[in-house]
């Protein structure tokens, strides 16, 4: 197999999956886990906020749009155990024509 051609049987190939609908409590727990994981690898407050504000990060951005800045702030503060400021970057929403 050439290097640049994907092997359809490769177990290490990236694969996106959809999750079943979660309850609000289950979503909160999932987001707490995401926040915790990124804290463990050294993300600071601003980097954490970027995960939620930037639409490139689809899952966390969707949660941010659905639940709002105050709810996300509360979850971040729960995980960090201290107060945090809001995002410095503006919320990026798509322009609707």
Protein backbone atom coordinates (compact mmCIF):
# COMPACT_ATOMS: atom_id res chain seq x y z
CA UNK A 1 0.00 0.00 0.00
CA UNK A 2 1.45 3.42 -0.93
CA UNK A 3 2.03 5.81 1.95
CA UNK A 4 -0.47 8.46 0.84
CA UNK A 5 -3.39 6.11 0.16
CA UNK A 6 -5.60 5.22 3.14
CA UNK A 7 -6.05 1.60 4.03
CA UNK A 8 -9.76 0.88 4.61
CA UNK A 9 -8.90 -1.70 7.28
CA UNK A 10 -6.63 0.64 9.28
CA UNK A 11 -7.76 0.53 12.93
CA UNK A 12 -6.00 3.86 13.62
CA UNK A 13 -7.96 5.79 10.99
CA UNK A 14 -9.88 8.77 12.37
CA UNK A 15 -13.60 8.22 12.37
CA UNK A 16 -16.37 10.61 13.38
CA UNK A 17 -19.40 9.23 15.16
CA UNK A 18 -22.66 10.71 16.30
CA UNK A 19 -23.87 10.31 19.85
CA UNK A 20 -27.43 9.61 20.89
CA UNK A 21 -29.34 12.53 22.37
CA UNK A 22 -28.09 13.23 25.88
CA UNK A 23 -29.95 14.66 28.84
CA UNK A 24 -28.85 18.07 30.13
CA UNK A 25 -27.05 16.39 33.06
CA UNK A 26 -25.24 13.99 30.72
CA UNK A 27 -24.18 16.87 28.46
CA UNK A 28 -22.87 18.79 31.47
CA UNK A 29 -20.86 15.78 32.60
CA UNK A 30 -19.42 15.31 29.11
CA UNK A 31 -18.38 18.98 28.99
CA UNK A 32 -16.84 18.76 32.48
CA UNK A 33 -14.74 15.84 31.22
CA UNK A 34 -13.63 17.83 28.16
CA UNK A 35 -12.66 20.79 30.36
CA UNK A 36 -10.79 18.50 32.75
CA UNK A 37 -8.86 16.79 29.93
CA UNK A 38 -7.73 20.11 28.45
CA UNK A 39 -6.74 21.41 31.89
CA UNK A 40 -4.59 18.32 32.38
CA UNK A 41 -2.68 19.06 29.19
CA UNK A 42 -2.08 22.65 30.31
CA UNK A 43 -4.77 24.83 28.74
CA UNK A 44 -5.21 28.19 30.49
CA UNK A 45 -8.53 30.03 30.91
CA UNK A 46 -8.38 31.77 27.53
CA UNK A 47 -7.50 28.56 25.70
CA UNK A 48 -10.43 26.79 27.38
CA UNK A 49 -12.80 29.55 26.29
CA UNK A 50 -11.57 29.26 22.70
CA UNK A 51 -12.80 25.66 22.66
CA UNK A 52 -16.31 26.96 23.25
CA UNK A 53 -16.32 30.28 21.38
CA UNK A 54 -14.59 29.19 18.17
CA UNK A 55 -16.92 27.36 15.74
CA UNK A 56 -13.99 25.22 14.56
CA UNK A 57 -14.54 23.13 17.70
CA UNK A 58 -18.02 21.99 16.72
CA UNK A 59 -19.13 20.01 19.77
CA UNK A 60 -18.06 22.51 22.42
CA UNK A 61 -19.20 25.48 20.31
CA UNK A 62 -22.62 23.90 19.83
CA UNK A 63 -22.88 23.40 23.60
CA UNK A 64 -21.87 27.05 24.11
CA UNK A 65 -24.55 28.28 21.69
CA UNK A 66 -27.22 26.05 23.24
CA UNK A 67 -26.47 26.62 26.93
CA UNK A 68 -24.87 30.08 26.97
CA UNK A 69 -21.79 31.75 28.36
CA UNK A 70 -22.90 31.77 32.02
CA UNK A 71 -23.59 28.03 32.03
CA UNK A 72 -20.21 27.27 30.43
CA UNK A 73 -18.51 29.62 32.89
CA UNK A 74 -20.14 27.77 35.82
CA UNK A 75 -18.89 24.40 34.51
CA UNK A 76 -15.36 25.71 33.99
CA UNK A 77 -15.37 27.18 37.50
CA UNK A 78 -16.61 23.87 38.94
CA UNK A 79 -13.76 21.97 37.30
CA UNK A 80 -11.07 24.55 38.12
CA UNK A 81 -12.38 25.27 41.60
CA UNK A 82 -11.97 29.02 41.14
CA UNK A 83 -13.64 31.97 39.37
CA UNK A 84 -12.84 32.61 35.71
CA UNK A 85 -13.42 35.59 33.45
CA UNK A 86 -15.45 35.34 30.27
CA UNK A 87 -13.92 34.86 26.84
CA UNK A 88 -11.77 37.69 25.49
CA UNK A 89 -12.60 36.85 21.90
CA UNK A 90 -16.02 37.64 20.52
CA UNK A 91 -18.53 34.91 19.84
CA UNK A 92 -18.32 34.01 16.15
CA UNK A 93 -21.72 33.35 14.69
CA UNK A 94 -22.37 32.69 11.01
CA UNK A 95 -23.79 35.53 8.93
CA UNK A 96 -27.29 34.72 7.72
CA UNK A 97 -28.41 36.14 4.40
